[in-house]
C-alpha cells in the first residue's frame, strides 16, 4: 500500500475518532444497578388524550402510579411509557414527554437521563405511530412517591395527541 493511501486512511480514522469525541463531549452519563424488582405497577388507557397547553408540562391522565419505599431501605424507579402519538404543527417544533417522580412534599424530579424539553417524543409530519420512553431514578429514600408521565407541546405545535398508552413502573432494590 502506498504511503499516500496509508496517510489517507489514517486521516479518515482520526477524523472519525475526533468526531465521536466531539459528539460525546457534552454528554452526561447516568447509570443505576439493581438486584431485583420489589414491586411492579402497570396502567394503561385506550381513549385519546390531547395536550391543551403550549410550553407547560401537563400530567397525562391515568399515566400515574403511587409507590412506597419501605422504611430502612432505598429503591430506584424504572419507568417505561409507550403510546400511539400524533404531533401536528410547524416543522421546527416537536412534542415532548418526560417521566417524573413527586415526593410527599410535592417536589418534582425528572427521571434520568434528564433531557427536559430536548427529548423529542414525536415530530410533525407523520400519521399516528408508536413511540416509547424509558427512564430511571436516583435511589429514593423511604416514603411515598407518585411516578407520572407529563407531556408538552412546543411553540408551533397545534396538536399533540396520545392514544392507546401503557405505563409500567418497577421499584428496584439497589
C-alpha atoms as a PDB file:
ATOM      1  CA  UNK A   1       0.000   0.000   0.000  1.00  0.00           C
ATOM      2  CA  UNK A   2       1.436   3.376  -0.897  1.00  0.00           C
ATOM      3  CA  UNK A   3       2.369   5.976   1.687  1.00  0.00           C
ATOM      4  CA  UNK A   4      -0.335   8.354   0.315  1.00  0.00           C
ATOM      5  CA  UNK A   5      -3.123   5.764   0.765  1.00  0.00           C
ATOM      6  CA  UNK A   6      -1.903   4.895   4.295  1.00  0.00           C
ATOM      7  CA  UNK A   7      -1.928   8.610   5.185  1.00  0.00           C
ATOM      8  CA  UNK A   8      -5.438   8.981   3.784  1.00  0.00           C
ATOM      9  CA  UNK A   9      -6.723   6.005   5.820  1.00  0.00           C
ATOM     10  CA  UNK A  10      -5.052   7.354   8.972  1.00  0.00           C
ATOM     11  CA  UNK A  11      -6.599  10.806   8.408  1.00  0.00           C
ATOM     12  CA  UNK A  12     -10.066   9.346   7.904  1.00  0.00           C
ATOM     13  CA  UNK A  13      -9.753   7.168  11.022  1.00  0.00           C
ATOM     14  CA  UNK A  14      -8.545  10.095  13.156  1.00  0.00           C
ATOM     15  CA  UNK A  15     -11.302  12.351  11.813  1.00  0.00           C
ATOM     16  CA  UNK A  16     -13.925   9.750  12.744  1.00  0.00           C
ATOM     17  CA  UNK A  17     -12.490   9.309  16.233  1.00  0.00           C
ATOM     18  CA  UNK A  18     -12.396  13.068  16.785  1.00  0.00           C
ATOM     19  CA  UNK A  19     -15.981  13.413  15.556  1.00  0.00           C
ATOM     20  CA  UNK A  20     -17.121  10.774  18.056  1.00  0.00           C
ATOM     21  CA  UNK A  21     -15.204  12.519  20.824  1.00  0.00           C
ATOM     22  CA  UNK A  22     -16.678  15.905  19.949  1.00  0.00           C
ATOM     23  CA  UNK A  23     -20.191  14.449  19.789  1.00  0.00           C
ATOM     24  CA  UNK A  24     -19.981  12.808  23.218  1.00  0.00           C
ATOM     25  CA  UNK A  25     -18.102  15.634  24.955  1.00  0.00           C
ATOM     26  CA  UNK A  26     -21.360  17.279  26.095  1.00  0.00           C
ATOM     27  CA  UNK A  27     -22.976  14.007  27.192  1.00  0.00           C
ATOM     28  CA  UNK A  28     -23.728  13.449  30.867  1.00  0.00           C
ATOM     29  CA  UNK A  29     -23.746   9.719  31.583  1.00  0.00           C
ATOM     30  CA  UNK A  30     -26.020   8.277  34.245  1.00  0.00           C
ATOM     31  CA  UNK A  31     -26.470   4.703  35.371  1.00  0.00           C
ATOM     32  CA  UNK A  32     -28.048   2.568  38.084  1.00  0.00           C
ATOM     33  CA  UNK A  33     -27.715  -1.102  39.054  1.00  0.00           C
ATOM     34  CA  UNK A  34     -30.356  -3.167  40.779  1.00  0.00           C
ATOM     35  CA  UNK A  35     -30.611  -6.651  42.234  1.00  0.00           C
ATOM     36  CA  UNK A  36     -34.328  -7.363  41.921  1.00  0.00           C
ATOM     37  CA  UNK A  37     -37.701  -5.743  41.364  1.00  0.00           C
ATOM     38  CA  UNK A  38     -39.618  -5.430  44.624  1.00  0.00           C
ATOM     39  CA  UNK A  39     -42.872  -4.130  43.091  1.00  0.00           C
ATOM     40  CA  UNK A  40     -44.337  -3.590  39.631  1.00  0.00           C
ATOM     41  CA  UNK A  41     -47.205  -1.296  38.672  1.00  0.00           C
ATOM     42  CA  UNK A  42     -48.992  -1.107  35.321  1.00  0.00           C
ATOM     43  CA  UNK A  43     -51.597   1.261  33.966  1.00  0.00           C
ATOM     44  CA  UNK A  44     -52.968   1.995  30.525  1.00  0.00           C
ATOM     45  CA  UNK A  45     -55.562   3.916  28.577  1.00  0.00           C
ATOM     46  CA  UNK A  46     -57.255   3.335  25.227  1.00  0.00           C
ATOM     47  CA  UNK A  47     -59.002   6.721  24.958  1.00  0.00           C
ATOM     48  CA  UNK A  48     -57.107   9.545  23.247  1.00  0.00           C
ATOM     49  CA  UNK A  49     -55.770  12.469  25.280  1.00  0.00           C
ATOM     50  CA  UNK A  50     -54.692  15.786  23.746  1.00  0.00           C
ATOM     51  CA  UNK A  51     -52.281  18.228  25.401  1.00  0.00           C
ATOM     52  CA  UNK A  52     -54.138  21.522  25.853  1.00  0.00           C
ATOM     53  CA  UNK A  53     -51.362  23.980  26.761  1.00  0.00           C
ATOM     54  CA  UNK A  54     -48.286  25.173  24.897  1.00  0.00           C
ATOM     55  CA  UNK A  55     -44.949  25.481  26.685  1.00  0.00           C
ATOM     56  CA  UNK A  56     -46.060  23.942  30.008  1.00  0.00           C
ATOM     57  CA  UNK A  57     -45.813  20.348  31.196  1.00  0.00           C
ATOM     58  CA  UNK A  58     -49.195  18.679  31.673  1.00  0.00           C
ATOM     59  CA  UNK A  59     -49.942  15.461  33.514  1.00  0.00           C
ATOM     60  CA  UNK A  60     -51.222  12.674  31.257  1.00  0.00           C
ATOM     61  CA  UNK A  61     -54.379  11.264  32.880  1.00  0.00           C
ATOM     62  CA  UNK A  62     -54.074   7.699  34.204  1.00  0.00           C
ATOM     63  CA  UNK A  63     -50.304   7.663  33.442  1.00  0.00           C
ATOM     64  CA  UNK A  64     -49.551   7.895  37.138  1.00  0.00           C
ATOM     65  CA  UNK A  65     -48.790   5.344  39.862  1.00  0.00           C
ATOM     66  CA  UNK A  66     -48.172   5.623  43.590  1.00  0.00           C
ATOM     67  CA  UNK A  67     -45.218   3.740  45.050  1.00  0.00           C
ATOM     68  CA  UNK A  68     -43.860   3.345  48.568  1.00  0.00           C
ATOM     69  CA  UNK A  69     -40.236   2.776  49.516  1.00  0.00           C
ATOM     70  CA  UNK A  70     -40.239   0.699  52.735  1.00  0.00           C
ATOM     71  CA  UNK A  71     -38.662   2.055  55.920  1.00  0.00           C
ATOM     72  CA  UNK A  72     -34.969   1.260  56.307  1.00  0.00           C
ATOM     73  CA  UNK A  73     -34.448   0.720  52.558  1.00  0.00           C
ATOM     74  CA  UNK A  74     -33.828   2.578  49.331  1.00  0.00           C
ATOM     75  CA  UNK A  75     -35.231   1.841  45.901  1.00  0.00           C
ATOM     76  CA  UNK A  76     -34.955   3.284  42.454  1.00  0.00           C
ATOM     77  CA  UNK A  77     -37.682   3.514  39.856  1.00  0.00           C
ATOM     78  CA  UNK A  78     -37.542   2.072  36.341  1.00  0.00           C
ATOM     79  CA  UNK A  79     -40.429   3.531  34.318  1.00  0.00           C
ATOM     80  CA  UNK A  80     -41.492   2.887  30.724  1.00  0.00           C
ATOM     81  CA  UNK A  81     -44.164   4.741  28.719  1.00  0.00           C
ATOM     82  CA  UNK A  82     -45.411   3.672  25.286  1.00  0.00           C
ATOM     83  CA  UNK A  83     -48.101   5.378  23.218  1.00  0.00           C
ATOM     84  CA  UNK A  84     -49.539   5.936  19.802  1.00  0.00           C
ATOM     85  CA  UNK A  85     -48.770   9.582  19.082  1.00  0.00           C
ATOM     86  CA  UNK A  86     -49.646  12.287  16.598  1.00  0.00           C
ATOM     87  CA  UNK A  87     -47.821  15.631  16.587  1.00  0.00           C
ATOM     88  CA  UNK A  88     -49.106  18.318  14.210  1.00  0.00           C
ATOM     89  CA  UNK A  89     -47.681  21.770  13.500  1.00  0.00           C
ATOM     90  CA  UNK A  90     -44.623  23.659  12.339  1.00  0.00           C
ATOM     91  CA  UNK A  91     -41.731  21.519  11.104  1.00  0.00           C
ATOM     92  CA  UNK A  92     -39.422  23.330  13.563  1.00  0.00           C
ATOM     93  CA  UNK A  93     -41.500  22.236  16.571  1.00  0.00           C
ATOM     94  CA  UNK A  94     -41.837  18.933  18.381  1.00  0.00           C
ATOM     95  CA  UNK A  95     -43.825  17.149  21.065  1.00  0.00           C
ATOM     96  CA  UNK A  96     -42.073  16.163  24.273  1.00  0.00           C
ATOM     97  CA  UNK A  97     -42.753  13.654  27.047  1.00  0.00           C
ATOM     98  CA  UNK A  98     -40.981  13.132  30.366  1.00  0.00           C
ATOM     99  CA  UNK A  99     -41.348  10.889  33.408  1.00  0.00           C
ATOM    100  CA  UNK A 100     -41.105  12.441  36.867  1.00  0.00           C
ATOM    101  CA  UNK A 101     -41.234  11.344  40.477  1.00  0.00           C
ATOM    102  CA  UNK A 102     -43.051  13.530  43.017  1.00  0.00           C
ATOM    103  CA  UNK A 103     -42.263  13.129  46.716  1.00  0.00           C
ATOM    104  CA  UNK A 104     -44.708  13.595  49.623  1.00  0.00           C
ATOM    105  CA  UNK A 105     -43.677  17.281  49.928  1.00  0.00           C
ATOM    106  CA  UNK A 106     -44.640  17.866  46.277  1.00  0.00           C
ATOM    107  CA  UNK A 107     -41.105  18.251  44.885  1.00  0.00           C
ATOM    108  CA  UNK A 108     -40.952  17.055  41.259  1.00  0.00           C
ATOM    109  CA  UNK A 109     -37.793  15.423  39.876  1.00  0.00           C
ATOM    110  CA  UNK A 110     -37.337  14.320  36.268  1.00  0.00           C
ATOM    111  CA  UNK A 111     -36.009  10.788  35.895  1.00  0.00           C
ATOM    112  CA  UNK A 112     -32.647  10.003  34.237  1.00  0.00           C
ATOM    113  CA  UNK A 113     -31.387  10.724  31.713  1.00  0.00           C
ATOM    114  CA  UNK A 114     -32.719  14.231  32.323  1.00  0.00           C
ATOM    115  CA  UNK A 115     -33.452  15.829  28.950  1.00  0.00           C
ATOM    116  CA  UNK A 116     -36.302  18.262  29.744  1.00  0.00           C
ATOM    117  CA  UNK A 117     -37.739  19.678  26.509  1.00  0.00           C
ATOM    118  CA  UNK A 118     -34.800  18.339  24.485  1.00  0.00           C
ATOM    119  CA  UNK A 119     -36.393  14.865  24.344  1.00  0.00           C
ATOM    120  CA  UNK A 120     -38.445  14.724  21.132  1.00  0.00           C
ATOM    121  CA  UNK A 121     -41.078  12.081  21.654  1.00  0.00           C
ATOM    122  CA  UNK A 122     -42.658  12.910  18.291  1.00  0.00           C
ATOM    123  CA  UNK A 123     -42.236  15.419  15.462  1.00  0.00           C
ATOM    124  CA  UNK A 124     -44.730  16.772  12.918  1.00  0.00           C
ATOM    125  CA  UNK A 125     -45.052  15.184   9.524  1.00  0.00           C
ATOM    126  CA  UNK A 126     -46.323  11.650  10.061  1.00  0.00           C
ATOM    127  CA  UNK A 127     -49.602   9.952  10.847  1.00  0.00           C
ATOM    128  CA  UNK A 128     -50.196   8.277  14.202  1.00  0.00           C
ATOM    129  CA  UNK A 129     -47.341   5.983  15.114  1.00  0.00           C
ATOM    130  CA  UNK A 130     -45.957   4.175  18.153  1.00  0.00           C
ATOM    131  CA  UNK A 131     -43.300   5.778  20.378  1.00  0.00           C
ATOM    132  CA  UNK A 132     -41.634   4.832  23.663  1.00  0.00           C
ATOM    133  CA  UNK A 133     -39.666   6.321  26.553  1.00  0.00           C
ATOM    134  CA  UNK A 134     -37.866   4.579  29.433  1.00  0.00           C
ATOM    135  CA  UNK A 135     -36.282   6.389  32.392  1.00  0.00           C
ATOM    136  CA  UNK A 136     -34.880   5.599  35.853  1.00  0.00           C
ATOM    137  CA  UNK A 137     -34.457   7.487  39.120  1.00  0.00           C
ATOM    138  CA  UNK A 138     -31.636   8.037  41.551  1.00  0.00           C
ATOM    139  CA  UNK A 139     -32.036   5.989  44.757  1.00  0.00           C
ATOM    140  CA  UNK A 140     -35.169   7.065  46.634  1.00  0.00           C
ATOM    141  CA  UNK A 141     -35.315   7.289  50.430  1.00  0.00           C
ATOM    142  CA  UNK A 142     -38.152   5.644  52.376  1.00  0.00           C
ATOM    143  CA  UNK A 143     -41.517   7.286  51.799  1.00  0.00           C
ATOM    144  CA  UNK A 144     -44.444   7.717  49.430  1.00  0.00           C
ATOM    145  CA  UNK A 145     -43.982   8.885  45.840  1.00  0.00           C
ATOM    146  CA  UNK A 146     -46.051   9.415  42.718  1.00  0.00           C
ATOM    147  CA  UNK A 147     -44.449   8.499  39.392  1.00  0.00           C
ATOM    148  CA  UNK A 148     -46.151  10.189  36.448  1.00  0.00           C
ATOM    149  CA  UNK A 149     -45.812  10.971  32.765  1.00  0.00           C
ATOM    150  CA  UNK A 150     -46.039  14.556  31.554  1.00  0.00           C
ATOM    151  CA  UNK A 151     -46.403  15.921  28.025  1.00  0.00           C
ATOM    152  CA  UNK A 152     -45.504  19.257  26.437  1.00  0.00           C
ATOM    153  CA  UNK A 153     -46.468  20.976  23.178  1.00  0.00           C
ATOM    154  CA  UNK A 154     -43.638  23.175  21.950  1.00  0.00           C
ATOM    155  CA  UNK A 155     -44.316  26.526  20.262  1.00  0.00           C
ATOM    156  CA  UNK A 156     -45.677  25.983  16.749  1.00  0.00           C
ATOM    157  CA  UNK A 157     -47.390  22.687  17.586  1.00  0.00           C
ATOM    158  CA  UNK A 158     -51.155  22.784  17.025  1.00  0.00           C
ATOM    159  CA  UNK A 159     -51.966  19.240  18.211  1.00  0.00           C
ATOM    160  CA  UNK A 160     -50.287  16.620  20.394  1.00  0.00           C
ATOM    161  CA  UNK A 161     -52.494  13.577  20.968  1.00  0.00           C
ATOM    162  CA  UNK A 162     -51.580  10.331  22.748  1.00  0.00           C
ATOM    163  CA  UNK A 163     -53.679   7.195  22.465  1.00  0.00           C
ATOM    164  CA  UNK A 164     -53.524   3.529  23.475  1.00  0.00           C
ATOM    165  CA  UNK A 165     -50.811   4.199  26.018  1.00  0.00           C
ATOM    166  CA  UNK A 166     -49.252   1.978  28.656  1.00  0.00           C
ATOM    167  CA  UNK A 167     -47.195   2.974  31.686  1.00  0.00           C
ATOM    168  CA  UNK A 168     -45.101   0.430  33.597  1.00  0.00           C
ATOM    169  CA  UNK A 169     -43.206   1.244  36.807  1.00  0.00           C
ATOM    170  CA  UNK A 170     -40.845  -1.068  38.657  1.00  0.00           C
ATOM    171  CA  UNK A 171     -39.437  -0.424  42.124  1.00  0.00           C
ATOM    172  CA  UNK A 172     -35.908  -1.836  42.079  1.00  0.00           C
ATOM    173  CA  UNK A 173     -33.715  -2.841  45.005  1.00  0.00           C
ATOM    174  CA  UNK A 174     -30.172  -1.467  44.599  1.00  0.00           C
END
